[in-house]
Amino acid sequence: MRKADQKPVTVDERFRTLLILWGALCISLFLYLALIHFLPAPSTPNQKLTLLLNAAGLIPVAASLLIKQVLIGKAIEGQRVEQVHSAYIVSWALCEVAGLLGFLDSRLTGSRYYFVAFAVAGLGMLLHFPRKQNLLDASQGQF
């Protein structure tokens, strides 16, 4: 909780926080990949499950694009800069789901096609790289 004598958080500080969170979530995707390579799973091939898990990874990434656009639009419309953080965090979490599905695929089936889900998750994370302009648009007149 902020005390009355403290100054409000600036746009630069908010942007730096978003960059740190984005970087941490990208690193977590790499850690999942490292776990896959260092902890081998038994191979029980199931092509249908692999296809289902990889295809299911597309849904949260596609939804994250739409959800972020809507939430940032509401944040700008209501001039609520703190809602920009929520929009980014929700979109990143949805992209992380695709990586988790790839991790699940590698653990359950031992398939080598788990990388498809990780590629989708990584592409989603790159598409959601934080933009300072969103914070500036939502904070017009506040700073």
C-alpha atoms as a PDB file:
ATOM      1  CA  MET A   1       0.000   0.000   0.000  1.00  0.00           C
ATOM      2  CA  ARG A   2       1.323   3.473  -0.902  1.00  0.00           C
ATOM      3  CA  LYS A   3       1.655   6.154   1.724  1.00  0.00           C
ATOM      4  CA  ALA A   4       0.352   9.667   1.141  1.00  0.00           C
ATOM      5  CA  ASP A   5       3.847  11.194   1.121  1.00  0.00           C
ATOM      6  CA  GLN A   6       5.087   8.986  -1.718  1.00  0.00           C
ATOM      7  CA  LYS A   7       4.962  10.167  -5.313  1.00  0.00           C
ATOM      8  CA  PRO A   8       2.862   8.219  -7.851  1.00  0.00           C
ATOM      9  CA  VAL A   9       4.461   5.549 -10.018  1.00  0.00           C
ATOM     10  CA  THR A  10       5.729   6.990 -13.302  1.00  0.00           C
ATOM     11  CA  VAL A  11       5.138   5.573 -16.761  1.00  0.00           C
ATOM     12  CA  ASP A  12       8.833   4.663 -17.023  1.00  0.00           C
ATOM     13  CA  GLU A  13       8.648   2.634 -13.816  1.00  0.00           C
ATOM     14  CA  ARG A  14       5.516   0.864 -15.028  1.00  0.00           C
ATOM     15  CA  PHE A  15       7.155   0.121 -18.377  1.00  0.00           C
ATOM     16  CA  ARG A  16      10.266  -1.243 -16.669  1.00  0.00           C
ATOM     17  CA  THR A  17       8.058  -3.529 -14.567  1.00  0.00           C
ATOM     18  CA  LEU A  18       6.343  -4.828 -17.708  1.00  0.00           C
ATOM     19  CA  LEU A  19       9.703  -5.520 -19.360  1.00  0.00           C
ATOM     20  CA  ILE A  20      10.927  -7.453 -16.318  1.00  0.00           C
ATOM     21  CA  LEU A  21       7.745  -9.546 -16.178  1.00  0.00           C
ATOM     22  CA  TRP A  22       7.877 -10.227 -19.922  1.00  0.00           C
ATOM     23  CA  GLY A  23      11.502 -11.322 -19.666  1.00  0.00           C
ATOM     24  CA  ALA A  24      10.784 -13.588 -16.701  1.00  0.00           C
ATOM     25  CA  LEU A  25       7.956 -15.330 -18.530  1.00  0.00           C
ATOM     26  CA  CYS A  26      10.107 -15.786 -21.635  1.00  0.00           C
ATOM     27  CA  ILE A  27      12.820 -17.322 -19.470  1.00  0.00           C
ATOM     28  CA  SER A  28      10.252 -19.701 -17.985  1.00  0.00           C
ATOM     29  CA  LEU A  29       9.543 -21.026 -21.496  1.00  0.00           C
ATOM     30  CA  PHE A  30      13.263 -21.723 -21.910  1.00  0.00           C
ATOM     31  CA  LEU A  31      13.323 -23.445 -18.529  1.00  0.00           C
ATOM     32  CA  TYR A  32      10.523 -25.769 -19.660  1.00  0.00           C
ATOM     33  CA  LEU A  33      12.626 -26.626 -22.715  1.00  0.00           C
ATOM     34  CA  ALA A  34      15.654 -27.268 -20.504  1.00  0.00           C
ATOM     35  CA  LEU A  35      13.601 -29.617 -18.319  1.00  0.00           C
ATOM     36  CA  ILE A  36      12.511 -31.540 -21.393  1.00  0.00           C
ATOM     37  CA  HIS A  37      16.093 -32.001 -22.548  1.00  0.00           C
ATOM     38  CA  PHE A  38      17.617 -32.845 -19.164  1.00  0.00           C
ATOM     39  CA  LEU A  39      14.814 -35.088 -17.857  1.00  0.00           C
ATOM     40  CA  PRO A  40      13.970 -37.595 -20.575  1.00  0.00           C
ATOM     41  CA  ALA A  41      10.461 -39.030 -20.616  1.00  0.00           C
ATOM     42  CA  PRO A  42       9.447 -42.537 -21.635  1.00  0.00           C
ATOM     43  CA  SER A  43       8.416 -42.696 -25.248  1.00  0.00           C
ATOM     44  CA  THR A  44       4.802 -43.790 -25.697  1.00  0.00           C
ATOM     45  CA  PRO A  45       3.931 -42.364 -29.115  1.00  0.00           C
ATOM     46  CA  ASN A  46       0.406 -41.080 -29.564  1.00  0.00           C
ATOM     47  CA  GLN A  47       0.179 -38.949 -32.688  1.00  0.00           C
ATOM     48  CA  LYS A  48      -3.417 -37.940 -32.081  1.00  0.00           C
ATOM     49  CA  LEU A  49      -2.645 -36.623 -28.587  1.00  0.00           C
ATOM     50  CA  THR A  50       0.387 -34.763 -29.911  1.00  0.00           C
ATOM     51  CA  LEU A  51      -1.690 -33.164 -32.642  1.00  0.00           C
ATOM     52  CA  LEU A  52      -4.470 -32.306 -30.172  1.00  0.00           C
ATOM     53  CA  LEU A  53      -2.115 -30.680 -27.647  1.00  0.00           C
ATOM     54  CA  ASN A  54      -0.239 -28.707 -30.295  1.00  0.00           C
ATOM     55  CA  ALA A  55      -3.477 -27.525 -31.919  1.00  0.00           C
ATOM     56  CA  ALA A  56      -4.949 -26.665 -28.519  1.00  0.00           C
ATOM     57  CA  GLY A  57      -1.964 -24.365 -27.955  1.00  0.00           C
ATOM     58  CA  LEU A  58      -3.172 -22.142 -30.786  1.00  0.00           C
ATOM     59  CA  ILE A  59      -6.442 -21.325 -29.014  1.00  0.00           C
ATOM     60  CA  PRO A  60      -5.080 -19.486 -25.942  1.00  0.00           C
ATOM     61  CA  VAL A  61      -2.526 -17.593 -28.032  1.00  0.00           C
ATOM     62  CA  ALA A  62      -5.220 -16.430 -30.456  1.00  0.00           C
ATOM     63  CA  ALA A  63      -7.484 -15.529 -27.532  1.00  0.00           C
ATOM     64  CA  SER A  64      -4.653 -13.589 -25.891  1.00  0.00           C
ATOM     65  CA  LEU A  65      -4.386 -11.294 -28.917  1.00  0.00           C
ATOM     66  CA  LEU A  66      -8.068 -10.442 -28.769  1.00  0.00           C
ATOM     67  CA  ILE A  67      -8.230 -10.127 -24.986  1.00  0.00           C
ATOM     68  CA  LYS A  68      -5.207  -7.813 -24.820  1.00  0.00           C
ATOM     69  CA  GLN A  69      -6.657  -5.577 -27.504  1.00  0.00           C
ATOM     70  CA  VAL A  70      -9.990  -5.290 -25.669  1.00  0.00           C
ATOM     71  CA  LEU A  71      -8.449  -4.730 -22.227  1.00  0.00           C
ATOM     72  CA  ILE A  72      -5.987  -2.102 -23.451  1.00  0.00           C
ATOM     73  CA  GLY A  73      -8.814  -0.356 -25.287  1.00  0.00           C
ATOM     74  CA  LYS A  74     -10.792  -0.201 -22.034  1.00  0.00           C
ATOM     75  CA  ALA A  75      -7.733   1.032 -20.142  1.00  0.00           C
ATOM     76  CA  ILE A  76      -7.173   3.846 -22.632  1.00  0.00           C
ATOM     77  CA  GLU A  77     -10.844   4.744 -22.735  1.00  0.00           C
ATOM     78  CA  GLY A  78     -11.086   4.891 -18.936  1.00  0.00           C
ATOM     79  CA  GLN A  79      -7.626   6.479 -18.559  1.00  0.00           C
ATOM     80  CA  ARG A  80      -6.631   3.711 -16.120  1.00  0.00           C
ATOM     81  CA  VAL A  81      -2.936   3.041 -16.608  1.00  0.00           C
ATOM     82  CA  GLU A  82      -2.908   0.187 -14.066  1.00  0.00           C
ATOM     83  CA  GLN A  83      -5.270  -1.811 -16.292  1.00  0.00           C
ATOM     84  CA  VAL A  84      -2.587  -1.923 -18.984  1.00  0.00           C
ATOM     85  CA  HIS A  85      -0.571  -4.149 -16.631  1.00  0.00           C
ATOM     86  CA  SER A  86      -3.537  -6.490 -16.267  1.00  0.00           C
ATOM     87  CA  ALA A  87      -3.986  -6.681 -20.032  1.00  0.00           C
ATOM     88  CA  TYR A  88      -0.380  -7.675 -20.594  1.00  0.00           C
ATOM     89  CA  ILE A  89      -0.242 -10.173 -17.733  1.00  0.00           C
ATOM     90  CA  VAL A  90      -3.411 -11.955 -18.890  1.00  0.00           C
ATOM     91  CA  SER A  91      -2.118 -12.154 -22.468  1.00  0.00           C
ATOM     92  CA  TRP A  92       1.273 -13.484 -21.351  1.00  0.00           C
ATOM     93  CA  ALA A  93      -0.345 -16.098 -19.131  1.00  0.00           C
ATOM     94  CA  LEU A  94      -2.434 -17.327 -22.047  1.00  0.00           C
ATOM     95  CA  CYS A  95       0.675 -17.615 -24.217  1.00  0.00           C
ATOM     96  CA  GLU A  96       2.368 -19.545 -21.420  1.00  0.00           C
ATOM     97  CA  VAL A  97      -0.450 -22.107 -21.651  1.00  0.00           C
ATOM     98  CA  ALA A  98       0.736 -23.082 -25.135  1.00  0.00           C
ATOM     99  CA  GLY A  99       4.212 -23.756 -23.747  1.00  0.00           C
ATOM    100  CA  LEU A 100       2.752 -25.822 -20.923  1.00  0.00           C
ATOM    101  CA  LEU A 101       0.798 -27.884 -23.448  1.00  0.00           C
ATOM    102  CA  GLY A 102       4.046 -28.526 -25.332  1.00  0.00           C
ATOM    103  CA  PHE A 103       5.694 -29.548 -22.076  1.00  0.00           C
ATOM    104  CA  LEU A 104       2.751 -31.870 -21.357  1.00  0.00           C
ATOM    105  CA  ASP A 105       3.062 -33.351 -24.838  1.00  0.00           C
ATOM    106  CA  SER A 106       6.721 -34.165 -24.325  1.00  0.00           C
ATOM    107  CA  ARG A 107       6.060 -35.713 -20.907  1.00  0.00           C
ATOM    108  CA  LEU A 108       3.041 -37.803 -21.964  1.00  0.00           C
ATOM    109  CA  THR A 109       4.025 -38.975 -25.419  1.00  0.00           C
ATOM    110  CA  GLY A 110       7.764 -38.383 -25.666  1.00  0.00           C
ATOM    111  CA  SER A 111       7.041 -36.844 -29.058  1.00  0.00           C
ATOM    112  CA  ARG A 112       9.650 -34.679 -30.725  1.00  0.00           C
ATOM    113  CA  TYR A 113       6.944 -32.345 -32.038  1.00  0.00           C
ATOM    114  CA  TYR A 114       6.507 -30.603 -28.694  1.00  0.00           C
ATOM    115  CA  PHE A 115       8.531 -27.739 -30.163  1.00  0.00           C
ATOM    116  CA  VAL A 116       5.503 -26.683 -32.252  1.00  0.00           C
ATOM    117  CA  ALA A 117       3.643 -25.605 -29.112  1.00  0.00           C
ATOM    118  CA  PHE A 118       6.764 -23.840 -27.848  1.00  0.00           C
ATOM    119  CA  ALA A 119       7.128 -22.026 -31.164  1.00  0.00           C
ATOM    120  CA  VAL A 120       3.512 -20.877 -30.923  1.00  0.00           C
ATOM    121  CA  ALA A 121       4.046 -19.742 -27.317  1.00  0.00           C
ATOM    122  CA  GLY A 122       7.260 -17.923 -28.234  1.00  0.00           C
ATOM    123  CA  LEU A 123       5.627 -16.193 -31.180  1.00  0.00           C
ATOM    124  CA  GLY A 124       2.760 -15.116 -28.934  1.00  0.00           C
ATOM    125  CA  MET A 125       5.193 -13.727 -26.374  1.00  0.00           C
ATOM    126  CA  LEU A 126       7.022 -11.789 -29.094  1.00  0.00           C
ATOM    127  CA  LEU A 127       3.728 -10.366 -30.349  1.00  0.00           C
ATOM    128  CA  HIS A 128       2.958  -9.214 -26.798  1.00  0.00           C
ATOM    129  CA  PHE A 129       6.228  -7.378 -26.251  1.00  0.00           C
ATOM    130  CA  PRO A 130       5.313  -4.446 -23.971  1.00  0.00           C
ATOM    131  CA  ARG A 131       4.802  -1.097 -25.659  1.00  0.00           C
ATOM    132  CA  LYS A 132       5.342   2.113 -23.756  1.00  0.00           C
ATOM    133  CA  GLN A 133       2.822   3.879 -25.986  1.00  0.00           C
ATOM    134  CA  ASN A 134      -0.034   1.875 -24.432  1.00  0.00           C
ATOM    135  CA  LEU A 135       0.944   3.186 -21.000  1.00  0.00           C
ATOM    136  CA  LEU A 136       1.239   6.743 -22.301  1.00  0.00           C
ATOM    137  CA  ASP A 137      -2.165   6.570 -23.998  1.00  0.00           C
ATOM    138  CA  ALA A 138      -3.803   5.275 -20.830  1.00  0.00           C
ATOM    139  CA  SER A 139      -2.139   7.903 -18.656  1.00  0.00           C
ATOM    140  CA  GLN A 140      -2.828  11.093 -20.621  1.00  0.00           C
ATOM    141  CA  GLY A 141      -3.053  13.927 -18.139  1.00  0.00           C
ATOM    142  CA  GLN A 142      -2.079  11.833 -15.110  1.00  0.00           C
ATOM    143  CA  PHE A 143       1.648  12.571 -15.234  1.00  0.00           C
END
